[in-house]
Protein backbone atom coordinates (compact mmCIF):
# COMPACT_ATOMS: atom_id res chain seq x y z
CA MET A 1 84.69 97.31 108.91
CA VAL A 2 86.90 99.89 110.71
CA ASP A 3 90.26 100.79 108.56
CA ARG A 4 93.06 100.25 111.14
CA ARG A 5 95.68 101.23 108.77
CA ILE A 6 97.63 104.34 109.64
CA VAL A 7 96.86 106.97 106.97
CA VAL A 8 100.21 108.73 105.88
CA ARG A 9 98.42 110.74 103.20
CA ALA A 10 94.56 110.86 102.36
CA ASP A 11 94.82 111.61 98.67
CA PRO A 12 96.14 109.74 97.07
CA PHE A 13 95.65 107.15 99.74
CA ASN A 14 98.77 105.88 101.20
CA ALA A 15 98.60 104.12 104.59
CA GLU A 16 100.87 101.94 106.81
CA ALA A 17 100.09 98.40 108.15
CA PRO A 18 99.26 98.32 112.04
CA LEU A 19 102.08 96.83 114.05
CA ASP A 20 99.82 93.97 115.38
CA ALA A 21 98.87 92.93 111.83
CA LEU A 22 102.60 92.51 111.10
CA ASP A 23 103.00 90.25 114.08
CA ALA A 24 102.04 87.32 111.85
CA HIS A 25 103.55 85.57 108.70
CA LEU A 26 100.81 86.70 106.42
CA THR A 27 99.10 90.33 106.47
CA PRO A 28 95.50 90.35 106.12
CA VAL A 29 94.33 92.43 102.94
CA ASN A 30 92.46 94.98 104.64
CA ASP A 31 95.62 95.69 106.93
CA PHE A 32 98.07 95.47 104.04
CA TYR A 33 99.94 98.76 103.66
CA VAL A 34 98.92 100.76 100.56
CA ARG A 35 101.49 102.92 98.38
CA SER A 36 99.85 104.99 95.51
CA ASN A 37 101.48 107.81 93.44
CA PHE A 38 98.21 108.79 91.86
CA ALA A 39 94.45 108.16 92.50
CA VAL A 40 92.99 104.79 92.14
CA PRO A 41 91.83 104.49 88.56
CA ARG A 42 88.42 103.25 87.45
CA ILE A 43 88.63 100.13 85.51
CA ASP A 44 85.97 98.08 83.89
CA SER A 45 87.25 94.77 84.24
CA GLY A 46 85.02 93.46 81.52
CA ALA A 47 86.30 95.89 78.96
CA TRP A 48 89.93 95.84 80.44
CA SER A 49 92.80 94.01 78.48
CA LEU A 50 96.62 93.68 78.90
CA ALA A 51 98.58 94.60 75.79
CA ILE A 52 102.21 93.03 75.16
CA ASP A 53 103.98 94.84 72.30
CA GLY A 54 107.20 96.37 71.35
CA LEU A 55 110.00 93.97 70.40
CA VAL A 56 107.80 90.88 70.22
CA GLU A 57 107.21 88.47 67.48
CA ARG A 58 103.55 88.67 67.89
CA ALA A 59 101.67 91.60 69.65
CA ARG A 60 98.97 90.30 71.93
CA PHE A 61 95.98 91.34 74.00
CA PHE A 62 94.79 89.44 77.05
CA THR A 63 91.50 89.77 78.53
CA LEU A 64 90.96 89.30 82.29
CA GLU A 65 88.96 86.06 81.27
CA GLU A 66 92.17 84.79 79.27
CA LEU A 67 94.29 85.38 82.09
CA VAL A 68 92.41 83.54 84.80
CA ALA A 69 92.32 80.55 82.34
CA ALA A 70 95.99 80.60 81.88
CA PRO A 71 98.73 78.62 84.05
CA THR A 72 99.08 80.24 87.35
CA ARG A 73 101.58 80.12 90.16
CA THR A 74 101.39 81.28 93.74
CA VAL A 75 104.17 83.07 95.61
CA THR A 76 104.37 84.07 99.17
CA SER A 77 106.20 87.47 99.06
CA THR A 78 107.04 90.30 101.34
CA MET A 79 106.51 93.69 99.89
CA GLU A 80 108.25 97.03 101.42
CA CYS A 81 107.97 100.52 100.26
CA ALA A 82 111.35 101.82 99.35
CA GLY A 83 110.53 104.62 101.60
CA ASN A 84 109.70 102.53 104.81
CA ASN A 85 111.46 103.95 107.88
CA ARG A 86 111.97 107.38 106.26
CA THR A 87 111.08 109.13 109.34
CA ARG A 88 114.04 107.79 110.87
CA LEU A 89 116.44 109.45 108.83
CA MET A 90 118.11 112.77 109.76
CA PRO A 91 118.15 115.23 108.37
CA ILE A 92 114.49 114.67 107.19
CA THR A 93 114.13 113.74 103.44
CA GLU A 94 111.76 114.33 100.69
CA GLY A 95 108.77 111.93 100.14
CA GLU A 96 105.87 110.46 102.21
CA PRO A 97 106.49 110.42 105.97
CA TRP A 98 106.68 106.74 106.31
CA GLY A 99 107.31 104.99 109.72
CA ILE A 100 107.79 101.23 110.18
CA GLY A 101 104.58 100.04 108.80
CA ALA A 102 105.21 100.47 105.02
CA ILE A 103 105.78 96.87 104.82
CA SER A 104 103.36 93.57 104.51
CA THR A 105 103.54 89.90 103.35
CA GLY A 106 100.87 88.25 101.32
CA THR A 107 100.40 85.33 99.00
CA PHE A 108 99.97 86.33 95.23
CA THR A 109 98.63 84.13 92.53
CA GLY A 110 98.68 84.96 88.82
CA VAL A 111 100.34 84.29 85.60
CA PRO A 112 104.08 83.91 85.15
CA LEU A 113 105.36 86.78 83.12
CA THR A 114 107.60 84.35 81.43
CA HIS A 115 104.53 82.65 80.02
CA LEU A 116 103.08 85.66 78.66
CA LEU A 117 106.21 86.79 76.82
CA ASP A 118 106.64 83.29 75.55
CA LEU A 119 103.34 83.62 73.83
CA ALA A 120 104.46 87.05 72.46
CA GLY A 121 107.97 85.91 71.59
CA VAL A 122 110.85 87.99 72.76
CA ARG A 123 113.05 89.29 70.15
CA PRO A 124 116.73 88.91 70.86
CA GLU A 125 117.59 92.92 70.90
CA THR A 126 115.36 93.40 73.90
CA VAL A 127 117.25 95.15 76.73
CA GLU A 128 114.30 95.97 79.26
CA VAL A 129 110.60 95.26 79.60
CA ARG A 130 108.35 98.47 80.51
CA PHE A 131 105.36 98.17 82.60
CA GLU A 132 102.63 100.73 82.48
CA GLY A 133 99.84 101.28 84.94
CA ALA A 134 96.44 102.82 84.15
CA ASP A 135 97.04 105.27 87.20
CA ARG A 136 98.10 108.82 86.02
CA GLY A 137 98.55 112.35 87.26
CA VAL A 138 100.90 115.08 87.76
CA PRO A 139 104.12 114.28 90.12
CA ARG A 140 105.18 116.63 92.76
CA GLY A 141 107.14 119.33 91.36
CA GLN A 142 105.86 118.74 87.71
CA THR A 143 103.47 120.26 85.59
CA GLU A 144 102.65 117.62 82.82
CA GLU A 145 100.48 114.46 83.70
CA ILE A 146 102.00 111.04 83.22
CA ARG A 147 101.17 107.64 83.79
CA PHE A 148 103.20 105.35 86.48
CA GLU A 149 105.65 103.30 84.52
CA ARG A 150 108.56 101.22 85.39
CA SER A 151 110.91 98.75 83.67
CA LEU A 152 112.79 95.62 84.49
CA PRO A 153 116.11 94.42 83.06
CA ILE A 154 115.18 91.38 80.63
CA ASP A 155 117.03 88.79 82.73
CA VAL A 156 114.86 89.67 85.73
CA ALA A 157 111.64 89.75 83.58
CA LEU A 158 112.70 86.31 82.43
CA SER A 159 113.78 84.82 85.71
CA GLY A 160 110.56 82.90 86.22
CA HIS A 161 109.69 84.66 89.60
CA VAL A 162 107.79 87.62 88.28
CA LEU A 163 104.03 87.41 87.97
CA VAL A 164 101.22 89.14 86.69
CA ALA A 165 99.02 88.77 89.68
CA LEU A 166 95.25 88.47 89.88
CA ARG A 167 94.60 87.25 93.58
CA MET A 168 96.08 88.28 96.92
CA ASN A 169 95.64 86.12 100.00
CA ASP A 170 93.26 83.91 97.98
CA GLN A 171 90.91 86.60 97.12
CA PRO A 172 90.52 88.83 93.88
CA LEU A 173 92.80 91.85 94.05
CA THR A 174 91.00 94.88 95.40
CA ALA A 175 91.02 98.22 93.60
CA GLU A 176 93.66 99.93 95.89
CA HIS A 177 96.00 96.94 95.48
CA GLY A 178 96.00 97.11 91.69
CA SER A 179 92.71 95.08 90.36
CA PRO A 180 92.19 93.69 88.03
CA ALA A 181 95.87 92.78 87.52
CA ARG A 182 99.23 93.82 88.95
CA LEU A 183 102.88 93.20 88.47
CA ILE A 184 104.51 91.15 91.34
CA VAL A 185 108.36 91.15 91.42
CA PRO A 186 109.40 89.28 94.36
CA GLY A 187 112.58 90.32 96.24
CA TRP A 188 112.26 93.93 95.08
CA TYR A 189 111.18 96.97 96.67
CA GLY A 190 107.38 97.60 96.06
CA MET A 191 107.68 100.35 93.31
CA ALA A 192 108.59 97.60 90.92
CA SER A 193 105.35 95.79 91.22
CA VAL A 194 103.27 98.10 89.12
CA LYS A 195 99.68 98.06 89.93
CA TRP A 196 96.62 98.39 87.41
CA LEU A 197 98.88 97.07 84.77
CA ARG A 198 97.52 97.90 81.17
CA ARG A 199 100.66 97.33 78.88
CA ILE A 200 103.84 95.39 78.62
CA GLU A 201 106.36 96.69 76.35
CA LEU A 202 109.74 95.22 75.23
CA ILE A 203 112.26 97.86 74.54
CA ASP A 204 115.97 98.17 73.17
CA HIS A 205 117.03 100.81 75.58
CA PRO A 206 116.97 101.71 79.20
CA LEU A 207 113.57 103.33 80.06
CA GLU A 208 113.73 107.19 80.58
CA ALA A 209 110.80 107.80 82.96
CA HIS A 210 110.14 109.94 86.04
CA PHE A 211 109.57 107.01 88.20
CA GLN A 212 112.70 105.21 86.68
CA THR A 213 115.36 107.90 86.35
CA ARG A 214 114.12 110.57 88.77
CA GLN A 215 112.49 108.90 91.62
CA TYR A 216 113.56 105.80 93.19
CA ARG A 217 117.27 106.35 92.80
CA TYR A 218 119.77 106.72 95.81
CA HIS A 219 120.43 110.44 95.41
CA GLN A 220 123.35 111.71 97.56
CA GLY A 221 122.88 115.21 96.23
CA HIS A 222 122.84 114.64 92.35
CA PRO A 223 120.84 117.21 90.61
CA ASP A 224 118.80 114.36 88.73
CA GLY A 225 118.68 110.72 89.09
CA ARG A 226 120.83 109.64 86.18
CA ASP A 227 124.00 109.14 88.00
CA ALA A 228 122.59 107.95 91.24
CA PRO A 229 122.25 103.96 91.72
CA PRO A 230 118.71 102.78 91.19
CA VAL A 231 116.62 101.20 93.96
CA THR A 232 116.29 97.64 93.25
CA THR A 233 116.06 94.82 95.55
CA MET A 234 115.19 94.92 99.45
CA ARG A 235 117.99 95.45 101.84
CA VAL A 236 118.36 93.14 104.70
CA ASN A 237 116.32 94.45 107.46
CA SER A 238 114.45 93.32 110.62
CA MET A 239 111.67 94.57 113.03
CA ILE A 240 110.15 93.90 116.48
CA THR A 241 106.51 93.18 116.01
CA ASN A 242 104.93 92.32 119.44
CA PHE A 243 106.21 95.50 121.19
CA ALA A 244 105.71 99.09 119.97
CA THR A 245 107.78 101.64 121.27
CA GLY A 246 106.38 103.20 124.35
CA ALA A 247 104.89 99.62 125.37
CA THR A 248 104.77 98.82 129.08
CA VAL A 249 105.29 95.44 130.56
CA ALA A 250 105.39 93.67 133.86
CA PRO A 251 108.41 92.57 135.59
CA GLY A 252 109.74 89.00 134.58
CA PRO A 253 110.51 87.22 131.38
CA HIS A 254 109.03 88.19 128.07
CA GLU A 255 109.20 86.85 124.55
CA ILE A 256 110.30 89.28 121.87
CA ALA A 257 109.02 88.34 118.43
CA GLY A 258 109.59 89.82 115.03
CA SER A 259 110.56 89.38 111.35
CA ALA A 260 113.66 89.88 109.17
CA TRP A 261 113.82 89.94 105.41
CA SER A 262 116.12 90.48 102.44
CA GLY A 263 115.66 90.61 98.64
CA ASP A 264 119.04 89.44 97.85
CA ALA A 265 119.71 86.32 100.30
CA PRO A 266 118.13 84.17 102.88
CA VAL A 267 118.12 85.46 106.48
CA VAL A 268 120.31 83.04 108.31
CA ALA A 269 120.61 84.78 111.73
CA VAL A 270 118.78 87.49 114.02
CA ASP A 271 120.41 88.71 116.86
CA LEU A 272 118.95 90.53 119.76
CA SER A 273 120.79 93.36 122.06
CA VAL A 274 119.06 94.67 125.07
CA ASP A 275 120.10 97.84 126.50
CA ALA A 276 123.22 98.27 124.18
CA GLY A 277 124.52 94.84 125.63
CA PRO A 278 126.08 91.88 123.69
CA TRP A 279 124.40 90.55 120.84
CA GLU A 280 122.57 87.23 121.51
CA PRO A 281 121.00 84.80 119.03
CA ALA A 282 117.29 84.69 118.47
CA GLU A 283 115.47 81.58 117.40
CA LEU A 284 114.23 81.42 113.61
CA LEU A 285 110.99 79.98 113.10
CA GLY A 286 109.38 77.93 110.32
CA ARG A 287 110.98 76.95 107.06
CA PRO A 288 112.49 79.73 104.85
CA GLN A 289 110.73 80.85 101.88
CA PRO A 290 112.70 82.30 98.97
CA PHE A 291 110.73 85.80 99.04
CA ALA A 292 109.09 86.10 102.32
CA TRP A 293 110.33 87.21 105.61
CA ARG A 294 111.33 85.03 108.40
CA ARG A 295 109.75 85.00 111.80
CA TRP A 296 111.89 84.98 114.91
CA ARG A 297 111.60 85.02 118.61
CA PHE A 298 113.88 85.68 121.66
CA GLU A 299 113.37 84.99 125.24
CA TRP A 300 114.19 87.86 127.28
CA ALA A 301 114.77 87.44 130.99
CA GLY A 302 113.46 90.93 131.61
CA GLY A 303 115.12 93.46 133.95
CA ALA A 304 114.89 96.28 136.42
CA ILE A 305 111.90 98.61 136.77
CA GLY A 306 112.13 101.42 134.24
CA ARG A 307 112.97 101.79 130.43
CA HIS A 308 114.89 99.41 128.52
CA THR A 309 116.10 99.48 124.77
CA LEU A 310 115.66 96.41 122.50
CA ARG A 311 117.38 96.20 119.06
CA SER A 312 117.28 93.42 116.30
CA ARG A 313 119.93 92.71 113.77
CA ALA A 314 119.51 90.54 110.71
CA SER A 315 122.10 88.71 108.71
CA THR A 316 121.95 87.01 105.39
CA ALA A 317 123.69 84.11 103.62
CA ASP A 318 125.60 86.52 101.46
CA GLY A 319 127.42 88.02 104.39
CA SER A 320 125.06 91.25 104.57
CA THR A 321 124.15 92.38 108.09
CA GLN A 322 122.03 95.39 109.11
CA PRO A 323 124.25 98.42 109.63
CA ASP A 324 124.52 100.59 112.87
CA ARG A 325 123.73 103.73 110.91
CA PRO A 326 121.32 104.43 107.99
CA ASP A 327 122.64 105.30 104.51
CA TRP A 328 121.19 108.70 104.06
CA ASN A 329 120.06 109.88 100.61
CA ARG A 330 118.05 112.89 99.57
CA LEU A 331 114.75 110.82 98.78
CA GLY A 332 115.06 108.74 101.94
CA TYR A 333 115.16 105.19 100.44
CA GLY A 334 116.17 101.81 101.71
CA ASN A 335 116.74 102.69 105.29
CA ASN A 336 117.55 99.48 107.06
CA ALA A 337 119.77 100.59 109.95
CA ILE A 338 119.26 98.76 113.20
CA ALA A 339 116.27 100.38 115.11
CA ALA A 340 115.77 100.67 118.82
CA THR A 341 112.29 99.80 120.38
CA LEU A 342 111.75 101.38 123.78
CA VAL A 343 109.72 99.52 126.63
CA ALA A 344 109.14 100.02 130.05
CA ILE A 345 108.94 97.59 132.81
CA VAL A 346 106.38 98.76 135.42
CA SER A 347 105.67 97.55 138.85
CA GLU A 348 102.50 95.40 139.13
CA SER A 349 101.40 97.00 142.14
């Protein structure tokens, strides 16, 4: 099978989903974007286990067989890399040069984290829950090898939404997507959903770790990440998915389609502007799902022969709306500014 994803970096493998794969509610596994900080680890699923320790009443080890037999839940969740749309920022920022395709939506099935924590017993002094992956390497600009690790505040970990996922789109997780088990934190940017999960540790202090305090922070020129706000939930955003910039179309009416999402509140409106004209409402499609993007469509009457600019703008129930200009930060995270798609109407003759 030909890999249609757009490779951003070959080693470790990082790739965007092709635009046509995003023009649907669910993204096929083979088209789903991939973000890896280090090489995919080699894991023997038969010998693998998940440890839960730290501030617990009973330290536990769960085999894959035990997790498969545990109660499961399925959630449809949009996952977006925090660096999605980084190449639209000026001046150029650090990090992988992600375009518009570091986002995908899938269904994830797994064991609710709360079930596993209940079995271990959470001690009251717990402040955060630390998640450690099996992947390891030397981060850019560093000299020592580390594992990928992240943490969640205890209230988020106990929210009932977080999963230790075993399946994706009704298939077992593939190696590049975190097999045999990964974390899924719906509503958060993808860095929170730790892949190749091997250990869960309950701690009584904020985690001090490279990918927690140095990376995934909204740096505004800070020398380190400690004073910069952390990257957490996905900002309200939208995209046009059935036309790529540079597309040519015939004269006459056309349907413009796309998706809108947010990690904080439901999307309640999407508006379209053509050639910097007035904003007009699009039609929201389907029933809203708590953690998945909302599909939308707009009937465009078309226009004169030549180039035209299409822009979409999403708004949420909490009053948030996409900004006109991006919030520039040194590592290029969270760009949710209104973007333009340029199409050309060409004569049929």
